[in-house]
């Protein structure tokens, strides 16, 4: 019986190594995120405890809720940029 031909295998070449890119955020992102969270929570707690009867909060009325949640949303927006 005739012998079958042997195929030559290609020599394995590993993929080129890439230098790992360390993506880091700016130094101010983390502290600013925490400050926005705390200011938003503080604003809402102050509004609820005072019942909206503080001089500054009385003028804003229920817009204080939007302002407090706006600070918190700003904190979450910065949290997406933090690495």
N, C-alpha and C. Protein backbone atom coordinates (compact mmCIF):
# COMPACT_ATOMS: atom_id res chain seq x y z
N UNK A 1 0.84 -1.16 0.00
CA UNK A 1 0.00 0.00 0.00
C UNK A 1 0.90 1.23 0.00
N UNK A 2 0.56 2.25 -0.83
CA UNK A 2 1.40 3.45 -0.87
C UNK A 2 1.26 4.28 0.42
N UNK A 3 2.33 4.92 0.79
CA UNK A 3 2.33 5.74 1.99
C UNK A 3 1.81 7.12 1.64
N UNK A 4 0.94 7.69 2.53
CA UNK A 4 0.37 9.02 2.27
C UNK A 4 1.41 10.10 2.55
N UNK A 5 1.23 11.21 1.89
CA UNK A 5 2.17 12.31 2.07
C UNK A 5 1.95 12.98 3.42
N UNK A 6 3.01 13.39 4.04
CA UNK A 6 2.94 14.06 5.33
C UNK A 6 2.86 15.56 5.09
N UNK A 7 1.86 16.19 5.70
CA UNK A 7 1.72 17.64 5.55
C UNK A 7 2.64 18.37 6.51
N UNK A 8 3.18 19.47 6.04
CA UNK A 8 4.02 20.28 6.91
C UNK A 8 3.12 21.22 7.71
N UNK A 9 3.36 21.24 9.01
CA UNK A 9 2.60 22.14 9.87
C UNK A 9 3.30 23.49 9.92
N UNK A 10 2.48 24.53 9.94
CA UNK A 10 3.04 25.87 10.07
C UNK A 10 3.57 26.04 11.49
N UNK A 11 4.68 26.73 11.59
CA UNK A 11 5.28 26.97 12.90
C UNK A 11 4.41 27.97 13.64
N UNK A 12 4.12 27.66 14.90
CA UNK A 12 3.26 28.53 15.70
C UNK A 12 4.01 29.80 16.07
N UNK A 13 3.39 30.93 15.76
CA UNK A 13 3.94 32.21 16.18
C UNK A 13 2.92 32.86 17.10
N UNK A 14 3.28 33.12 18.33
CA UNK A 14 2.32 33.71 19.25
C UNK A 14 1.98 35.14 18.82
N UNK A 15 0.78 35.60 19.18
CA UNK A 15 0.41 36.97 18.81
C UNK A 15 1.32 37.97 19.51
N UNK A 16 1.51 39.11 18.89
CA UNK A 16 2.40 40.11 19.50
C UNK A 16 1.82 40.59 20.82
N UNK A 17 2.70 40.79 21.76
CA UNK A 17 2.25 41.27 23.07
C UNK A 17 2.02 42.77 23.01
N UNK A 18 0.90 43.14 23.55
CA UNK A 18 0.58 44.57 23.61
C UNK A 18 0.95 45.08 24.99
N UNK A 19 1.41 46.29 25.02
CA UNK A 19 1.69 46.88 26.33
C UNK A 19 0.34 47.25 26.95
N UNK A 20 0.11 46.82 28.17
CA UNK A 20 -1.19 47.10 28.79
C UNK A 20 -1.36 48.59 29.05
N UNK A 21 -2.49 49.10 28.62
CA UNK A 21 -2.78 50.51 28.83
C UNK A 21 -3.52 50.64 30.16
N UNK A 22 -2.94 51.36 31.06
CA UNK A 22 -3.61 51.61 32.32
C UNK A 22 -4.43 52.88 32.15
N UNK A 23 -5.73 52.67 32.10
CA UNK A 23 -6.61 53.83 31.97
C UNK A 23 -7.02 54.25 33.36
N UNK A 24 -6.59 55.41 33.75
CA UNK A 24 -6.96 55.92 35.06
C UNK A 24 -7.67 57.25 34.88
N UNK A 25 -8.51 57.54 35.82
CA UNK A 25 -9.24 58.80 35.77
C UNK A 25 -8.40 59.88 36.43
N UNK A 26 -8.84 61.09 36.25
CA UNK A 26 -8.15 62.22 36.87
C UNK A 26 -8.30 62.11 38.39
N UNK A 27 -7.40 62.74 39.09
CA UNK A 27 -7.38 62.63 40.55
C UNK A 27 -8.61 63.27 41.20
N UNK A 28 -9.26 64.20 40.53
CA UNK A 28 -10.38 64.90 41.13
C UNK A 28 -11.71 64.17 40.97
N UNK A 29 -11.77 63.14 40.15
CA UNK A 29 -13.05 62.49 39.85
C UNK A 29 -13.61 61.78 41.08
N UNK A 30 -12.79 61.02 41.78
CA UNK A 30 -13.27 60.27 42.95
C UNK A 30 -13.77 61.18 44.06
N UNK A 31 -12.96 62.16 44.50
CA UNK A 31 -13.44 63.05 45.56
C UNK A 31 -14.67 63.87 45.13
N UNK A 32 -14.70 64.32 43.89
CA UNK A 32 -15.86 65.10 43.43
C UNK A 32 -17.12 64.25 43.43
N UNK A 33 -16.98 62.98 43.06
CA UNK A 33 -18.13 62.07 43.06
C UNK A 33 -18.68 61.91 44.48
N UNK A 34 -17.79 61.68 45.43
CA UNK A 34 -18.22 61.51 46.82
C UNK A 34 -18.86 62.78 47.36
N UNK A 35 -18.28 63.93 47.02
CA UNK A 35 -18.84 65.21 47.49
C UNK A 35 -20.23 65.42 46.92
N UNK A 36 -20.43 65.12 45.64
CA UNK A 36 -21.76 65.29 45.05
C UNK A 36 -22.79 64.37 45.70
N UNK A 37 -22.40 63.13 45.98
CA UNK A 37 -23.30 62.21 46.68
C UNK A 37 -23.68 62.76 48.06
N UNK A 38 -22.68 63.20 48.80
CA UNK A 38 -22.93 63.67 50.16
C UNK A 38 -23.73 64.96 50.19
N UNK A 39 -23.45 65.87 49.28
CA UNK A 39 -24.22 67.12 49.22
C UNK A 39 -25.67 66.83 48.86
N UNK A 40 -25.88 65.93 47.90
CA UNK A 40 -27.25 65.59 47.50
C UNK A 40 -28.02 64.94 48.63
N UNK A 41 -27.39 64.00 49.33
CA UNK A 41 -28.06 63.35 50.45
C UNK A 41 -28.29 64.34 51.58
N UNK A 42 -27.31 65.17 51.86
CA UNK A 42 -27.47 66.20 52.90
C UNK A 42 -28.58 67.17 52.58
N UNK A 43 -28.68 67.55 51.31
CA UNK A 43 -29.73 68.48 50.88
C UNK A 43 -31.11 67.86 51.10
N UNK A 44 -31.27 66.61 50.71
CA UNK A 44 -32.56 65.94 50.86
C UNK A 44 -32.91 65.71 52.33
N UNK A 45 -31.93 65.31 53.12
CA UNK A 45 -32.18 65.08 54.55
C UNK A 45 -32.57 66.38 55.22
N UNK A 46 -31.86 67.46 54.89
CA UNK A 46 -32.20 68.77 55.47
C UNK A 46 -33.61 69.20 55.06
N UNK A 47 -33.96 68.96 53.82
CA UNK A 47 -35.29 69.33 53.35
C UNK A 47 -36.38 68.54 54.09
N UNK A 48 -36.16 67.24 54.25
CA UNK A 48 -37.17 66.42 54.90
C UNK A 48 -37.26 66.69 56.40
N UNK A 49 -36.12 66.89 57.07
CA UNK A 49 -36.14 67.14 58.51
C UNK A 49 -36.80 68.48 58.82
N UNK A 50 -36.48 69.50 58.02
CA UNK A 50 -37.04 70.82 58.29
C UNK A 50 -38.46 70.96 57.76
N UNK A 51 -38.88 70.03 56.95
CA UNK A 51 -40.22 70.13 56.36
C UNK A 51 -40.31 71.24 55.32
N UNK A 52 -39.18 71.71 54.86
CA UNK A 52 -39.16 72.77 53.86
C UNK A 52 -39.39 74.15 54.44
N UNK A 53 -39.26 74.30 55.78
CA UNK A 53 -39.53 75.59 56.43
C UNK A 53 -38.28 76.40 56.72
N UNK A 54 -37.14 75.98 56.23
CA UNK A 54 -35.95 76.81 56.40
C UNK A 54 -36.03 77.97 55.42
N UNK A 55 -35.44 79.12 55.77
CA UNK A 55 -35.57 80.29 54.90
C UNK A 55 -35.14 80.05 53.45
N UNK A 56 -34.03 79.39 53.23
CA UNK A 56 -33.58 79.15 51.85
C UNK A 56 -34.42 78.11 51.14
N UNK A 57 -34.82 77.08 51.88
CA UNK A 57 -35.59 76.00 51.28
C UNK A 57 -37.05 76.39 51.06
N UNK A 58 -37.55 77.30 51.88
CA UNK A 58 -38.94 77.74 51.74
C UNK A 58 -39.16 78.41 50.39
N UNK A 59 -38.18 79.18 49.95
CA UNK A 59 -38.31 79.88 48.66
C UNK A 59 -38.28 78.90 47.49
N UNK A 60 -37.57 77.81 47.66
CA UNK A 60 -37.45 76.84 46.56
C UNK A 60 -38.65 75.89 46.50
N UNK A 61 -39.27 75.66 47.63
CA UNK A 61 -40.42 74.75 47.65
C UNK A 61 -39.99 73.33 47.32
N UNK A 62 -40.79 72.66 46.52
CA UNK A 62 -40.49 71.28 46.17
C UNK A 62 -39.37 71.16 45.13
N UNK A 63 -38.88 72.27 44.62
CA UNK A 63 -37.74 72.22 43.72
C UNK A 63 -36.49 71.73 44.45
N UNK A 64 -36.53 71.79 45.78
CA UNK A 64 -35.40 71.28 46.56
C UNK A 64 -35.19 69.80 46.32
N UNK A 65 -36.26 69.07 46.11
CA UNK A 65 -36.13 67.65 45.80
C UNK A 65 -35.36 67.45 44.50
N UNK A 66 -35.70 68.24 43.50
CA UNK A 66 -35.01 68.13 42.21
C UNK A 66 -33.54 68.51 42.35
N UNK A 67 -33.26 69.51 43.14
CA UNK A 67 -31.87 69.94 43.33
C UNK A 67 -31.06 68.84 44.04
N UNK A 68 -31.64 68.26 45.10
CA UNK A 68 -30.95 67.19 45.82
C UNK A 68 -30.69 65.98 44.95
N UNK A 69 -31.72 65.57 44.20
CA UNK A 69 -31.52 64.43 43.30
C UNK A 69 -30.60 64.78 42.14
N UNK A 70 -30.56 66.04 41.75
CA UNK A 70 -29.62 66.47 40.71
C UNK A 70 -28.18 66.30 41.14
N UNK A 71 -27.90 66.62 42.41
CA UNK A 71 -26.54 66.38 42.93
C UNK A 71 -26.21 64.90 42.91
N UNK A 72 -27.16 64.07 43.31
CA UNK A 72 -26.93 62.63 43.34
C UNK A 72 -26.71 62.09 41.93
N UNK A 73 -27.50 62.55 40.97
CA UNK A 73 -27.33 62.11 39.58
C UNK A 73 -25.98 62.57 39.05
N UNK A 74 -25.55 63.77 39.45
CA UNK A 74 -24.22 64.23 39.07
C UNK A 74 -23.13 63.33 39.62
N UNK A 75 -23.33 62.83 40.83
CA UNK A 75 -22.38 61.87 41.41
C UNK A 75 -22.34 60.58 40.62
N UNK A 76 -23.52 60.10 40.20
CA UNK A 76 -23.54 58.89 39.38
C UNK A 76 -22.91 59.13 38.02
N UNK A 77 -23.08 60.31 37.46
CA UNK A 77 -22.44 60.62 36.18
C UNK A 77 -20.93 60.57 36.30
N UNK A 78 -20.41 61.08 37.41
CA UNK A 78 -18.96 61.02 37.62
C UNK A 78 -18.50 59.60 37.92
N UNK A 79 -19.38 58.80 38.52
CA UNK A 79 -19.01 57.41 38.83
C UNK A 79 -18.77 56.60 37.56
N UNK A 80 -19.40 56.98 36.47
CA UNK A 80 -19.17 56.26 35.21
C UNK A 80 -17.79 56.59 34.63
N UNK A 81 -17.19 57.69 35.06
CA UNK A 81 -15.88 58.09 34.55
C UNK A 81 -14.74 57.64 35.44
N UNK A 82 -15.07 57.10 36.62
CA UNK A 82 -14.04 56.74 37.59
C UNK A 82 -13.47 55.37 37.27
N UNK A 83 -12.16 55.26 37.24
CA UNK A 83 -11.50 53.97 36.98
C UNK A 83 -10.49 53.70 38.06
